[in-house]
Amino acid sequence: MRTLILLGTLLAAPCVMAATDAEIVNAVKQRAESGFFPKDVKVVSLKEVNFFPDDRDTVYARFGNVCGKAEVTKGDNKASLVFIAPVVEKASQISIDDPTIYDLTKQGEIAEKDIPNRCK
């Protein structure tokens, strides 16, 4: 009986592990391309997208922020934006909250204070 319980535990253990950093980053990239910005804003590229776990992060549930840069266009206008998306992953479900988005040309001072605190 002990062998059966041990075998069941070993087989079930990988199923309860939290998502990897790469899985979280990929989920946020997909959401950024389709849902962070209004429909008339086109995402040209996403760069430097990384997951930064916070102090609640464990091997069974992930908590933190995904930070990155987005090059976007709207008509003839182009912009370089920085985004910070809070992420929670529990029970194989990745939940992405509304991101904070900074236009560095207009909000650089505010971003310089926020980014080091949330993207570390």
PDB file of N, CA and C in Angstrom:
ATOM      1  N   MET A   1       0.823  -1.193   0.000  1.00  0.00           N
ATOM      2  CA  MET A   1       0.000   0.000   0.000  1.00  0.00           C
ATOM      3  C   MET A   1       0.871   1.263   0.000  1.00  0.00           C
ATOM      4  N   ARG A   2       1.960   1.241   0.807  1.00  0.00           N
ATOM      5  CA  ARG A   2       2.857   2.398   0.844  1.00  0.00           C
ATOM      6  C   ARG A   2       3.449   2.668  -0.535  1.00  0.00           C
ATOM      7  N   THR A   3       3.797   1.606  -1.234  1.00  0.00           N
ATOM      8  CA  THR A   3       4.374   1.756  -2.568  1.00  0.00           C
ATOM      9  C   THR A   3       3.376   2.415  -3.505  1.00  0.00           C
ATOM     10  N   LEU A   4       2.134   2.025  -3.398  1.00  0.00           N
ATOM     11  CA  LEU A   4       1.090   2.603  -4.241  1.00  0.00           C
ATOM     12  C   LEU A   4       0.895   4.094  -3.948  1.00  0.00           C
ATOM     13  N   ILE A   5       0.902   4.461  -2.682  1.00  0.00           N
ATOM     14  CA  ILE A   5       0.764   5.871  -2.301  1.00  0.00           C
ATOM     15  C   ILE A   5       1.968   6.671  -2.784  1.00  0.00           C
ATOM     16  N   LEU A   6       3.159   6.134  -2.617  1.00  0.00           N
ATOM     17  CA  LEU A   6       4.378   6.808  -3.069  1.00  0.00           C
ATOM     18  C   LEU A   6       4.368   6.988  -4.582  1.00  0.00           C
ATOM     19  N   LEU A   7       3.965   5.953  -5.296  1.00  0.00           N
ATOM     20  CA  LEU A   7       3.899   6.029  -6.753  1.00  0.00           C
ATOM     21  C   LEU A   7       2.881   7.079  -7.196  1.00  0.00           C
ATOM     22  N   GLY A   8       1.741   7.111  -6.560  1.00  0.00           N
ATOM     23  CA  GLY A   8       0.714   8.105  -6.888  1.00  0.00           C
ATOM     24  C   GLY A   8       1.192   9.523  -6.612  1.00  0.00           C
ATOM     25  N   THR A   9       1.903   9.703  -5.520  1.00  0.00           N
ATOM     26  CA  THR A   9       2.446  11.023  -5.190  1.00  0.00           C
ATOM     27  C   THR A   9       3.474  11.467  -6.214  1.00  0.00           C
ATOM     28  N   LEU A  10       4.345  10.579  -6.624  1.00  0.00           N
ATOM     29  CA  LEU A  10       5.372  10.918  -7.610  1.00  0.00           C
ATOM     30  C   LEU A  10       4.768  11.251  -8.966  1.00  0.00           C
ATOM     31  N   LEU A  11       3.726  10.549  -9.345  1.00  0.00           N
ATOM     32  CA  LEU A  11       3.083  10.818 -10.629  1.00  0.00           C
ATOM     33  C   LEU A  11       2.268  12.104 -10.599  1.00  0.00           C
ATOM     34  N   ALA A  12       1.681  12.429  -9.467  1.00  0.00           N
ATOM     35  CA  ALA A  12       0.841  13.618  -9.365  1.00  0.00           C
ATOM     36  C   ALA A  12       1.652  14.888  -9.132  1.00  0.00           C
ATOM     37  N   ALA A  13       2.844  14.779  -8.585  1.00  0.00           N
ATOM     38  CA  ALA A  13       3.645  15.955  -8.229  1.00  0.00           C
ATOM     39  C   ALA A  13       3.884  16.910  -9.396  1.00  0.00           C
ATOM     40  N   PRO A  14       4.278  16.446 -10.583  1.00  0.00           N
ATOM     41  CA  PRO A  14       4.496  17.411 -11.671  1.00  0.00           C
ATOM     42  C   PRO A  14       3.217  18.120 -12.102  1.00  0.00           C
ATOM     43  N   CYS A  15       2.078  17.525 -11.860  1.00  0.00           N
ATOM     44  CA  CYS A  15       0.809  18.125 -12.274  1.00  0.00           C
ATOM     45  C   CYS A  15       0.439  19.337 -11.427  1.00  0.00           C
ATOM     46  N   VAL A  16       0.949  19.395 -10.195  1.00  0.00           N
ATOM     47  CA  VAL A  16       0.582  20.495  -9.313  1.00  0.00           C
ATOM     48  C   VAL A  16       1.636  21.593  -9.275  1.00  0.00           C
ATOM     49  N   MET A  17       2.687  21.456 -10.036  1.00  0.00           N
ATOM     50  CA  MET A  17       3.723  22.478 -10.074  1.00  0.00           C
ATOM     51  C   MET A  17       3.203  23.706 -10.819  1.00  0.00           C
ATOM     52  N   ALA A  18       3.704  24.841 -10.436  1.00  0.00           N
ATOM     53  CA  ALA A  18       3.282  26.101 -11.057  1.00  0.00           C
ATOM     54  C   ALA A  18       3.897  26.252 -12.437  1.00  0.00           C
ATOM     55  N   ALA A  19       3.381  27.205 -13.181  1.00  0.00           N
ATOM     56  CA  ALA A  19       3.879  27.499 -14.524  1.00  0.00           C
ATOM     57  C   ALA A  19       5.309  28.028 -14.449  1.00  0.00           C
ATOM     58  N   THR A  20       6.043  27.820 -15.519  1.00  0.00           N
ATOM     59  CA  THR A  20       7.410  28.334 -15.595  1.00  0.00           C
ATOM     60  C   THR A  20       7.379  29.818 -15.965  1.00  0.00           C
ATOM     61  N   ASP A  21       8.516  30.466 -15.790  1.00  0.00           N
ATOM     62  CA  ASP A  21       8.627  31.873 -16.195  1.00  0.00           C
ATOM     63  C   ASP A  21       8.290  32.033 -17.675  1.00  0.00           C
ATOM     64  N   ALA A  22       8.794  31.117 -18.501  1.00  0.00           N
ATOM     65  CA  ALA A  22       8.563  31.191 -19.953  1.00  0.00           C
ATOM     66  C   ALA A  22       7.077  31.075 -20.285  1.00  0.00           C
ATOM     67  N   GLU A  23       6.349  30.197 -19.604  1.00  0.00           N
ATOM     68  CA  GLU A  23       4.913  30.053 -19.848  1.00  0.00           C
ATOM     69  C   GLU A  23       4.159  31.329 -19.467  1.00  0.00           C
ATOM     70  N   ILE A  24       4.559  31.940 -18.375  1.00  0.00           N
ATOM     71  CA  ILE A  24       3.919  33.183 -17.944  1.00  0.00           C
ATOM     72  C   ILE A  24       4.210  34.300 -18.939  1.00  0.00           C
ATOM     73  N   VAL A  25       5.469  34.413 -19.361  1.00  0.00           N
ATOM     74  CA  VAL A  25       5.852  35.447 -20.330  1.00  0.00           C
ATOM     75  C   VAL A  25       5.094  35.258 -21.643  1.00  0.00           C
ATOM     76  N   ASN A  26       4.983  34.019 -22.115  1.00  0.00           N
ATOM     77  CA  ASN A  26       4.253  33.762 -23.364  1.00  0.00           C
ATOM     78  C   ASN A  26       2.782  34.149 -23.249  1.00  0.00           C
ATOM     79  N   ALA A  27       2.165  33.864 -22.107  1.00  0.00           N
ATOM     80  CA  ALA A  27       0.758  34.234 -21.907  1.00  0.00           C
ATOM     81  C   ALA A  27       0.586  35.754 -21.944  1.00  0.00           C
ATOM     82  N   VAL A  28       1.506  36.468 -21.324  1.00  0.00           N
ATOM     83  CA  VAL A  28       1.416  37.930 -21.318  1.00  0.00           C
ATOM     84  C   VAL A  28       1.679  38.489 -22.714  1.00  0.00           C
ATOM     85  N   LYS A  29       2.626  37.907 -23.443  1.00  0.00           N
ATOM     86  CA  LYS A  29       2.890  38.369 -24.816  1.00  0.00           C
ATOM     87  C   LYS A  29       1.640  38.220 -25.682  1.00  0.00           C
ATOM     88  N   GLN A  30       0.966  37.080 -25.569  1.00  0.00           N
ATOM     89  CA  GLN A  30      -0.260  36.870 -26.346  1.00  0.00           C
ATOM     90  C   GLN A  30      -1.319  37.901 -25.971  1.00  0.00           C
ATOM     91  N   ARG A  31      -1.457  38.150 -24.689  1.00  0.00           N
ATOM     92  CA  ARG A  31      -2.450  39.134 -24.226  1.00  0.00           C
ATOM     93  C   ARG A  31      -2.065  40.539 -24.666  1.00  0.00           C
ATOM     94  N   ALA A  32      -0.774  40.862 -24.637  1.00  0.00           N
ATOM     95  CA  ALA A  32      -0.320  42.198 -25.043  1.00  0.00           C
ATOM     96  C   ALA A  32      -0.624  42.452 -26.515  1.00  0.00           C
ATOM     97  N   GLU A  33      -0.468  41.432 -27.331  1.00  0.00           N
ATOM     98  CA  GLU A  33      -0.713  41.593 -28.763  1.00  0.00           C
ATOM     99  C   GLU A  33      -2.197  41.742 -29.086  1.00  0.00           C
ATOM    100  N   SER A  34      -3.062  41.259 -28.207  1.00  0.00           N
ATOM    101  CA  SER A  34      -4.488  41.281 -28.535  1.00  0.00           C
ATOM    102  C   SER A  34      -5.375  42.048 -27.558  1.00  0.00           C
ATOM    103  N   GLY A  35      -4.861  42.434 -26.388  1.00  0.00           N
ATOM    104  CA  GLY A  35      -5.781  43.002 -25.421  1.00  0.00           C
ATOM    105  C   GLY A  35      -5.294  44.143 -24.553  1.00  0.00           C
ATOM    106  N   PHE A  36      -4.019  44.503 -24.591  1.00  0.00           N
ATOM    107  CA  PHE A  36      -3.533  45.589 -23.744  1.00  0.00           C
ATOM    108  C   PHE A  36      -3.925  46.962 -24.283  1.00  0.00           C
ATOM    109  N   PHE A  37      -4.072  47.053 -25.579  1.00  0.00           N
ATOM    110  CA  PHE A  37      -4.253  48.347 -26.233  1.00  0.00           C
ATOM    111  C   PHE A  37      -5.591  48.384 -26.974  1.00  0.00           C
ATOM    112  N   PRO A  38      -6.086  49.579 -27.286  1.00  0.00           N
ATOM    113  CA  PRO A  38      -7.329  49.677 -28.071  1.00  0.00           C
ATOM    114  C   PRO A  38      -7.182  48.981 -29.428  1.00  0.00           C
ATOM    115  N   LYS A  39      -8.300  48.635 -30.027  1.00  0.00           N
ATOM    116  CA  LYS A  39      -8.308  47.874 -31.289  1.00  0.00           C
ATOM    117  C   LYS A  39      -7.568  48.585 -32.419  1.00  0.00           C
ATOM    118  N   ASP A  40      -7.577  49.917 -32.431  1.00  0.00           N
ATOM    119  CA  ASP A  40      -6.922  50.639 -33.524  1.00  0.00           C
ATOM    120  C   ASP A  40      -5.418  50.829 -33.314  1.00  0.00           C
ATOM    121  N   VAL A  41      -4.888  50.316 -32.218  1.00  0.00           N
ATOM    122  CA  VAL A  41      -3.448  50.364 -31.951  1.00  0.00           C
ATOM    123  C   VAL A  41      -2.858  49.004 -32.294  1.00  0.00           C
ATOM    124  N   LYS A  42      -1.857  49.007 -33.164  1.00  0.00           N
ATOM    125  CA  LYS A  42      -1.229  47.757 -33.601  1.00  0.00           C
ATOM    126  C   LYS A  42       0.109  47.585 -32.890  1.00  0.00           C
ATOM    127  N   VAL A  43       0.315  46.405 -32.320  1.00  0.00           N
ATOM    128  CA  VAL A  43       1.592  46.089 -31.682  1.00  0.00           C
ATOM    129  C   VAL A  43       2.557  45.633 -32.767  1.00  0.00           C
ATOM    130  N   VAL A  44       3.641  46.382 -32.942  1.00  0.00           N
ATOM    131  CA  VAL A  44       4.651  46.059 -33.950  1.00  0.00           C
ATOM    132  C   VAL A  44       5.628  45.036 -33.391  1.00  0.00           C
ATOM    133  N   SER A  45       6.076  45.241 -32.145  1.00  0.00           N
ATOM    134  CA  SER A  45       7.005  44.290 -31.535  1.00  0.00           C
ATOM    135  C   SER A  45       6.944  44.383 -30.019  1.00  0.00           C
ATOM    136  N   LEU A  46       7.327  43.285 -29.394  1.00  0.00           N
ATOM    137  CA  LEU A  46       7.467  43.211 -27.942  1.00  0.00           C
ATOM    138  C   LEU A  46       8.915  42.833 -27.653  1.00  0.00           C
ATOM    139  N   LYS A  47       9.552  43.550 -26.730  1.00  0.00           N
ATOM    140  CA  LYS A  47      10.960  43.307 -26.421  1.00  0.00           C
ATOM    141  C   LYS A  47      11.171  43.286 -24.917  1.00  0.00           C
ATOM    142  N   GLU A  48      12.238  42.610 -24.529  1.00  0.00           N
ATOM    143  CA  GLU A  48      12.670  42.587 -23.133  1.00  0.00           C
ATOM    144  C   GLU A  48      11.527  42.240 -22.182  1.00  0.00           C
ATOM    145  N   VAL A  49      10.735  41.254 -22.549  1.00  0.00           N
ATOM    146  CA  VAL A  49       9.596  40.836 -21.726  1.00  0.00           C
ATOM    147  C   VAL A  49      10.086  39.771 -20.752  1.00  0.00           C
ATOM    148  N   ASN A  50       9.980  40.073 -19.464  1.00  0.00           N
ATOM    149  CA  ASN A  50      10.472  39.171 -18.425  1.00  0.00           C
ATOM    150  C   ASN A  50       9.502  39.115 -17.261  1.00  0.00           C
ATOM    151  N   PHE A  51       9.523  37.969 -16.569  1.00  0.00           N
ATOM    152  CA  PHE A  51       8.712  37.788 -15.370  1.00  0.00           C
ATOM    153  C   PHE A  51       9.571  38.086 -14.150  1.00  0.00           C
ATOM    154  N   PHE A  52       9.028  38.890 -13.246  1.00  0.00           N
ATOM    155  CA  PHE A  52       9.707  39.245 -12.012  1.00  0.00           C
ATOM    156  C   PHE A  52       8.836  38.787 -10.846  1.00  0.00           C
ATOM    157  N   PRO A  53       9.186  37.649 -10.214  1.00  0.00           N
ATOM    158  CA  PRO A  53       8.368  37.141  -9.109  1.00  0.00           C
ATOM    159  C   PRO A  53       8.436  38.069  -7.899  1.00  0.00           C
ATOM    160  N   ASP A  54       7.355  38.073  -7.115  1.00  0.00           N
ATOM    161  CA  ASP A  54       7.387  38.850  -5.877  1.00  0.00           C
ATOM    162  C   ASP A  54       7.573  37.901  -4.698  1.00  0.00           C
ATOM    163  N   ASP A  55       7.459  38.407  -3.491  1.00  0.00           N
ATOM    164  CA  ASP A  55       7.757  37.607  -2.302  1.00  0.00           C
ATOM    165  C   ASP A  55       6.723  36.522  -2.009  1.00  0.00           C
ATOM    166  N   ARG A  56       5.597  36.494  -2.702  1.00  0.00           N
ATOM    167  CA  ARG A  56       4.587  35.447  -2.508  1.00  0.00           C
ATOM    168  C   ARG A  56       4.796  34.256  -3.434  1.00  0.00           C
ATOM    169  N   ASP A  57       5.729  34.352  -4.364  1.00  0.00           N
ATOM    170  CA  ASP A  57       5.963  33.337  -5.388  1.00  0.00           C
ATOM    171  C   ASP A  57       6.443  32.026  -4.766  1.00  0.00           C
ATOM    172  N   THR A  58       5.854  30.894  -5.208  1.00  0.00           N
ATOM    173  CA  THR A  58       6.260  29.568  -4.730  1.00  0.00           C
ATOM    174  C   THR A  58       6.339  28.614  -5.918  1.00  0.00           C
ATOM    175  N   VAL A  59       6.738  27.375  -5.654  1.00  0.00           N
ATOM    176  CA  VAL A  59       6.777  26.379  -6.727  1.00  0.00           C
ATOM    177  C   VAL A  59       5.375  25.898  -7.089  1.00  0.00           C
ATOM    178  N   TYR A  60       4.380  26.222  -6.272  1.00  0.00           N
ATOM    179  CA  TYR A  60       3.017  25.767  -6.523  1.00  0.00           C
ATOM    180  C   TYR A  60       2.092  26.867  -7.041  1.00  0.00           C
ATOM    181  N   ALA A  61       2.446  28.115  -6.834  1.00  0.00           N
ATOM    182  CA  ALA A  61       1.657  29.252  -7.320  1.00  0.00           C
ATOM    183  C   ALA A  61       2.616  30.399  -7.607  1.00  0.00           C
ATOM    184  N   ARG A  62       2.379  31.089  -8.707  1.00  0.00           N
ATOM    185  CA  ARG A  62       3.287  32.160  -9.130  1.00  0.00           C
ATOM    186  C   ARG A  62       2.617  33.517  -8.962  1.00  0.00           C
ATOM    187  N   PHE A  63       3.371  34.450  -8.442  1.00  0.00           N
ATOM    188  CA  PHE A  63       2.911  35.815  -8.226  1.00  0.00           C
ATOM    189  C   PHE A  63       4.016  36.764  -8.660  1.00  0.00           C
ATOM    190  N   GLY A  64       3.661  37.824  -9.361  1.00  0.00           N
ATOM    191  CA  GLY A  64       4.665  38.806  -9.739  1.00  0.00           C
ATOM    192  C   GLY A  64       4.191  39.703 -10.863  1.00  0.00           C
ATOM    193  N   ASN A  65       5.164  40.317 -11.526  1.00  0.00           N
ATOM    194  CA  ASN A  65       4.885  41.227 -12.634  1.00  0.00           C
ATOM    195  C   ASN A  65       5.645  40.788 -13.868  1.00  0.00           C
ATOM    196  N   VAL A  66       5.025  40.971 -15.010  1.00  0.00           N
ATOM    197  CA  VAL A  66       5.722  40.804 -16.281  1.00  0.00           C
ATOM    198  C   VAL A  66       5.925  42.207 -16.832  1.00  0.00           C
ATOM    199  N   CYS A  67       7.178  42.528 -17.100  1.00  0.00           N
ATOM    200  CA  CYS A  67       7.531  43.855 -17.593  1.00  0.00           C
ATOM    201  C   CYS A  67       8.156  43.725 -18.971  1.00  0.00           C
ATOM    202  N   GLY A  68       7.894  44.709 -19.819  1.00  0.00           N
ATOM    203  CA  GLY A  68       8.468  44.669 -21.152  1.00  0.00           C
ATOM    204  C   GLY A  68       8.249  45.965 -21.897  1.00  0.00           C
ATOM    205  N   LYS A  69       8.765  45.988 -23.120  1.00  0.00           N
ATOM    206  CA  LYS A  69       8.635  47.153 -23.990  1.00  0.00           C
ATOM    207  C   LYS A  69       7.797  46.768 -25.198  1.00  0.00           C
ATOM    208  N   ALA A  70       6.936  47.682 -25.610  1.00  0.00           N
ATOM    209  CA  ALA A  70       6.091  47.459 -26.784  1.00  0.00           C
ATOM    210  C   ALA A  70       6.274  48.616 -27.758  1.00  0.00           C
ATOM    211  N   GLU A  71       6.522  48.265 -29.000  1.00  0.00           N
ATOM    212  CA  GLU A  71       6.532  49.251 -30.078  1.00  0.00           C
ATOM    213  C   GLU A  71       5.146  49.174 -30.712  1.00  0.00           C
ATOM    214  N   VAL A  72       4.424  50.286 -30.731  1.00  0.00           N
ATOM    215  CA  VAL A  72       3.055  50.294 -31.250  1.00  0.00           C
ATOM    216  C   VAL A  72       2.879  51.400 -32.286  1.00  0.00           C
ATOM    217  N   THR A  73       1.858  51.208 -33.134  1.00  0.00           N
ATOM    218  CA  THR A  73       1.499  52.236 -34.112  1.00  0.00           C
ATOM    219  C   THR A  73      -0.008  52.454 -34.080  1.00  0.00           C
ATOM    220  N   LYS A  74      -0.385  53.675 -34.403  1.00  0.00           N
ATOM    221  CA  LYS A  74      -1.794  54.031 -34.581  1.00  0.00           C
ATOM    222  C   LYS A  74      -1.818  55.016 -35.740  1.00  0.00           C
ATOM    223  N   GLY A  75      -2.257  54.527 -36.880  1.00  0.00           N
ATOM    224  CA  GLY A  75      -2.193  55.351 -38.082  1.00  0.00           C
ATOM    225  C   GLY A  75      -0.740  55.623 -38.436  1.00  0.00           C
ATOM    226  N   ASP A  76      -0.376  56.884 -38.546  1.00  0.00           N
ATOM    227  CA  ASP A  76       1.006  57.262 -38.849  1.00  0.00           C
ATOM    228  C   ASP A  76       1.846  57.495 -37.599  1.00  0.00           C
ATOM    229  N   ASN A  77       1.242  57.412 -36.435  1.00  0.00           N
ATOM    230  CA  ASN A  77       1.952  57.670 -35.180  1.00  0.00           C
ATOM    231  C   ASN A  77       2.582  56.394 -34.641  1.00  0.00           C
ATOM    232  N   LYS A  78       3.804  56.528 -34.125  1.00  0.00           N
ATOM    233  CA  LYS A  78       4.515  55.409 -33.511  1.00  0.00           C
ATOM    234  C   LYS A  78       4.859  55.783 -32.079  1.00  0.00           C
ATOM    235  N   ALA A  79       4.918  54.768 -31.219  1.00  0.00           N
ATOM    236  CA  ALA A  79       5.279  55.017 -29.825  1.00  0.00           C
ATOM    237  C   ALA A  79       6.035  53.824 -29.264  1.00  0.00           C
ATOM    238  N   SER A  80       6.936  54.119 -28.343  1.00  0.00           N
ATOM    239  CA  SER A  80       7.630  53.091 -27.572  1.00  0.00           C
ATOM    240  C   SER A  80       7.075  53.156 -26.160  1.00  0.00           C
ATOM    241  N   LEU A  81       6.478  52.062 -25.732  1.00  0.00           N
ATOM    242  CA  LEU A  81       5.826  52.018 -24.429  1.00  0.00           C
ATOM    243  C   LEU A  81       6.468  50.962 -23.546  1.00  0.00           C
ATOM    244  N   VAL A  82       6.371  51.161 -22.253  1.00  0.00           N
ATOM    245  CA  VAL A  82       6.787  50.165 -21.272  1.00  0.00           C
ATOM    246  C   VAL A  82       5.530  49.717 -20.546  1.00  0.00           C
ATOM    247  N   PHE A  83       5.402  48.391 -20.336  1.00  0.00           N
ATOM    248  CA  PHE A  83       4.230  47.893 -19.612  1.00  0.00           C
ATOM    249  C   PHE A  83       4.650  47.050 -18.421  1.00  0.00           C
ATOM    250  N   ILE A  84       3.808  47.084 -17.404  1.00  0.00           N
ATOM    251  CA  ILE A  84       3.974  46.265 -16.204  1.00  0.00           C
ATOM    252  C   ILE A  84       2.638  45.576 -15.973  1.00  0.00           C
ATOM    253  N   ALA A  85       2.615  44.251 -16.129  1.00  0.00           N
ATOM    254  CA  ALA A  85       1.373  43.490 -15.994  1.00  0.00           C
ATOM    255  C   ALA A  85       1.443  42.581 -14.765  1.00  0.00           C
ATOM    256  N   PRO A  86       0.609  42.818 -13.757  1.00  0.00           N
ATOM    257  CA  PRO A  86       0.554  41.922 -12.606  1.00  0.00           C
ATOM    258  C   PRO A  86      -0.003  40.555 -13.021  1.00  0.00           C
ATOM    259  N   VAL A  87       0.645  39.495 -12.540  1.00  0.00           N
ATOM    260  CA  VAL A  87       0.271  38.131 -12.926  1.00  0.00           C
ATOM    261  C   VAL A  87       0.136  37.260 -11.682  1.00  0.00           C
ATOM    262  N   VAL A  88      -0.908  36.425 -11.685  1.00  0.00           N
ATOM    263  CA  VAL A  88      -1.087  35.392 -10.664  1.00  0.00           C
ATOM    264  C   VAL A  88      -1.369  34.095 -11.396  1.00  0.00           C
ATOM    265  N   GLU A  89      -0.648  33.040 -11.031  1.00  0.00           N
ATOM    266  CA  GLU A  89      -0.897  31.723 -11.618  1.00  0.00           C
ATOM    267  C   GLU A  89      -1.164  30.757 -10.479  1.00  0.00           C
ATOM    268  N   LYS A  90      -2.352  30.165 -10.494  1.00  0.00           N
ATOM    269  CA  LYS A  90      -2.744  29.159  -9.504  1.00  0.00           C
ATOM    270  C   LYS A  90      -3.503  28.071 -10.226  1.00  0.00           C
ATOM    271  N   ALA A  91      -3.285  26.845  -9.835  1.00  0.00           N
ATOM    272  CA  ALA A  91      -4.027  25.708 -10.384  1.00  0.00           C
ATOM    273  C   ALA A  91      -4.025  25.714 -11.912  1.00  0.00           C
ATOM    274  N   SER A  92      -2.871  25.985 -12.486  1.00  0.00           N
ATOM    275  CA  SER A  92      -2.674  25.981 -13.944  1.00  0.00           C
ATOM    276  C   SER A  92      -3.462  27.062 -14.678  1.00  0.00           C
ATOM    277  N   GLN A  93      -3.942  28.070 -13.975  1.00  0.00           N
ATOM    278  CA  GLN A  93      -4.657  29.187 -14.583  1.00  0.00           C
ATOM    279  C   GLN A  93      -3.832  30.459 -14.406  1.00  0.00           C
ATOM    280  N   ILE A  94      -3.458  31.079 -15.518  1.00  0.00           N
ATOM    281  CA  ILE A  94      -2.692  32.318 -15.468  1.00  0.00           C
ATOM    282  C   ILE A  94      -3.666  33.487 -15.582  1.00  0.00           C
ATOM    283  N   SER A  95      -3.672  34.327 -14.558  1.00  0.00           N
ATOM    284  CA  SER A  95      -4.544  35.502 -14.520  1.00  0.00           C
ATOM    285  C   SER A  95      -3.679  36.750 -14.699  1.00  0.00           C
ATOM    286  N   ILE A  96      -4.002  37.547 -15.706  1.00  0.00           N
ATOM    287  CA  ILE A  96      -3.239  38.753 -16.018  1.00  0.00           C
ATOM    288  C   ILE A  96      -4.130  39.960 -15.749  1.00  0.00           C
ATOM    289  N   ASP A  97      -3.732  40.783 -14.791  1.00  0.00           N
ATOM    290  CA  ASP A  97      -4.501  41.992 -14.480  1.00  0.00           C
ATOM    291  C   ASP A  97      -4.202  43.080 -15.507  1.00  0.00           C
ATOM    292  N   ASP A  98      -4.993  44.140 -15.471  1.00  0.00           N
ATOM    293  CA  ASP A  98      -4.776  45.265 -16.381  1.00  0.00           C
ATOM    294  C   ASP A  98      -3.378  45.829 -16.162  1.00  0.00           C
ATOM    295  N   PRO A  99      -2.646  46.047 -17.235  1.00  0.00           N
ATOM    296  CA  PRO A  99      -1.269  46.529 -17.092  1.00  0.00           C
ATOM    297  C   PRO A  99      -1.202  48.034 -16.837  1.00  0.00           C
ATOM    298  N   THR A 100      -0.099  48.432 -16.246  1.00  0.00           N
ATOM    299  CA  THR A 100       0.267  49.837 -16.187  1.00  0.00           C
ATOM    300  C   THR A 100       1.129  50.090 -17.414  1.00  0.00           C
ATOM    301  N   ILE A 101       0.789  51.105 -18.188  1.00  0.00           N
ATOM    302  CA  ILE A 101       1.514  51.386 -19.432  1.00  0.00           C
ATOM    303  C   ILE A 101       2.074  52.803 -19.364  1.00  0.00           C
ATOM    304  N   TYR A 102       3.370  52.908 -19.663  1.00  0.00           N
ATOM    305  CA  TYR A 102       4.043  54.207 -19.654  1.00  0.00           C
ATOM    306  C   TYR A 102       4.564  54.543 -21.039  1.00  0.00           C
ATOM    307  N   ASP A 103       4.318  55.769 -21.468  1.00  0.00           N
ATOM    308  CA  ASP A 103       4.955  56.328 -22.658  1.00  0.00           C
ATOM    309  C   ASP A 103       6.164  57.090 -22.128  1.00  0.00           C
ATOM    310  N   LEU A 104       7.352  56.567 -22.371  1.00  0.00           N
ATOM    311  CA  LEU A 104       8.548  57.140 -21.769  1.00  0.00           C
ATOM    312  C   LEU A 104       8.822  58.569 -22.220  1.00  0.00           C
ATOM    313  N   THR A 105       8.323  58.954 -23.390  1.00  0.00           N
ATOM    314  CA  THR A 105       8.550  60.331 -23.844  1.00  0.00           C
ATOM    315  C   THR A 105       7.715  61.331 -23.052  1.00  0.00           C
ATOM    316  N   LYS A 106       6.614  60.858 -22.452  1.00  0.00           N
ATOM    317  CA  LYS A 106       5.733  61.760 -21.710  1.00  0.00           C
ATOM    318  C   LYS A 106       5.698  61.467 -20.216  1.00  0.00           C
ATOM    319  N   GLN A 107       5.975  60.217 -19.849  1.00  0.00           N
ATOM    320  CA  GLN A 107       5.851  59.805 -18.447  1.00  0.00           C
ATOM    321  C   GLN A 107       7.152  59.209 -17.917  1.00  0.00           C
ATOM    322  N   GLY A 108       8.261  59.619 -18.468  1.00  0.00           N
ATOM    323  CA  GLY A 108       9.551  59.040 -18.104  1.00  0.00           C
ATOM    324  C   GLY A 108       9.882  59.149 -16.632  1.00  0.00           C
ATOM    325  N   GLU A 109       9.603  60.292 -16.033  1.00  0.00           N
ATOM    326  CA  GLU A 109       9.933  60.497 -14.626  1.00  0.00           C
ATOM    327  C   GLU A 109       9.122  59.570 -13.721  1.00  0.00           C
ATOM    328  N   ILE A 110       7.847  59.426 -14.019  1.00  0.00           N
ATOM    329  CA  ILE A 110       6.987  58.529 -13.235  1.00  0.00           C
ATOM    330  C   ILE A 110       7.443  57.087 -13.419  1.00  0.00           C
ATOM    331  N   ALA A 111       7.724  56.705 -14.655  1.00  0.00           N
ATOM    332  CA  ALA A 111       8.150  55.335 -14.954  1.00  0.00           C
ATOM    333  C   ALA A 111       9.462  55.002 -14.265  1.00  0.00           C
ATOM    334  N   GLU A 112      10.385  55.951 -14.229  1.00  0.00           N
ATOM    335  CA  GLU A 112      11.683  55.711 -13.598  1.00  0.00           C
ATOM    336  C   GLU A 112      11.549  55.394 -12.117  1.00  0.00           C
ATOM    337  N   LYS A 113      10.499  55.867 -11.480  1.00  0.00           N
ATOM    338  CA  LYS A 113      10.265  55.564 -10.065  1.00  0.00           C
ATOM    339  C   LYS A 113       9.551  54.228  -9.886  1.00  0.00           C
ATOM    340  N   ASP A 114       8.629  53.914 -10.790  1.00  0.00           N
ATOM    341  CA  ASP A 114       7.798  52.713 -10.643  1.00  0.00           C
ATOM    342  C   ASP A 114       8.499  51.441 -11.118  1.00  0.00           C
ATOM    343  N   ILE A 115       9.171  51.511 -12.245  1.00  0.00           N
ATOM    344  CA  ILE A 115       9.775  50.315 -12.848  1.00  0.00           C
ATOM    345  C   ILE A 115      10.775  49.625 -11.920  1.00  0.00           C
ATOM    346  N   PRO A 116      11.716  50.346 -11.283  1.00  0.00           N
ATOM    347  CA  PRO A 116      12.655  49.644 -10.399  1.00  0.00           C
ATOM    348  C   PRO A 116      11.983  48.941  -9.218  1.00  0.00           C
ATOM    349  N   ASN A 117      10.837  49.436  -8.784  1.00  0.00           N
ATOM    350  CA  ASN A 117      10.134  48.812  -7.664  1.00  0.00           C
ATOM    351  C   ASN A 117       9.360  47.567  -8.069  1.00  0.00           C
ATOM    352  N   ARG A 118       8.822  47.551  -9.275  1.00  0.00           N
ATOM    353  CA  ARG A 118       7.938  46.463  -9.691  1.00  0.00           C
ATOM    354  C   ARG A 118       8.577  45.477 -10.654  1.00  0.00           C
ATOM    355  N   CYS A 119       9.721  45.828 -11.214  1.00  0.00           N
ATOM    356  CA  CYS A 119      10.391  44.966 -12.197  1.00  0.00           C
ATOM    357  C   CYS A 119      11.792  44.626 -11.713  1.00  0.00           C
ATOM    358  N   LYS A 120      11.853  43.951 -10.576  1.00  0.00           N
ATOM    359  CA  LYS A 120      13.153  43.557 -10.022  1.00  0.00           C
ATOM    360  C   LYS A 120      13.111  42.140  -9.541  1.00  0.00           C
TER     361      LYS A 120
END
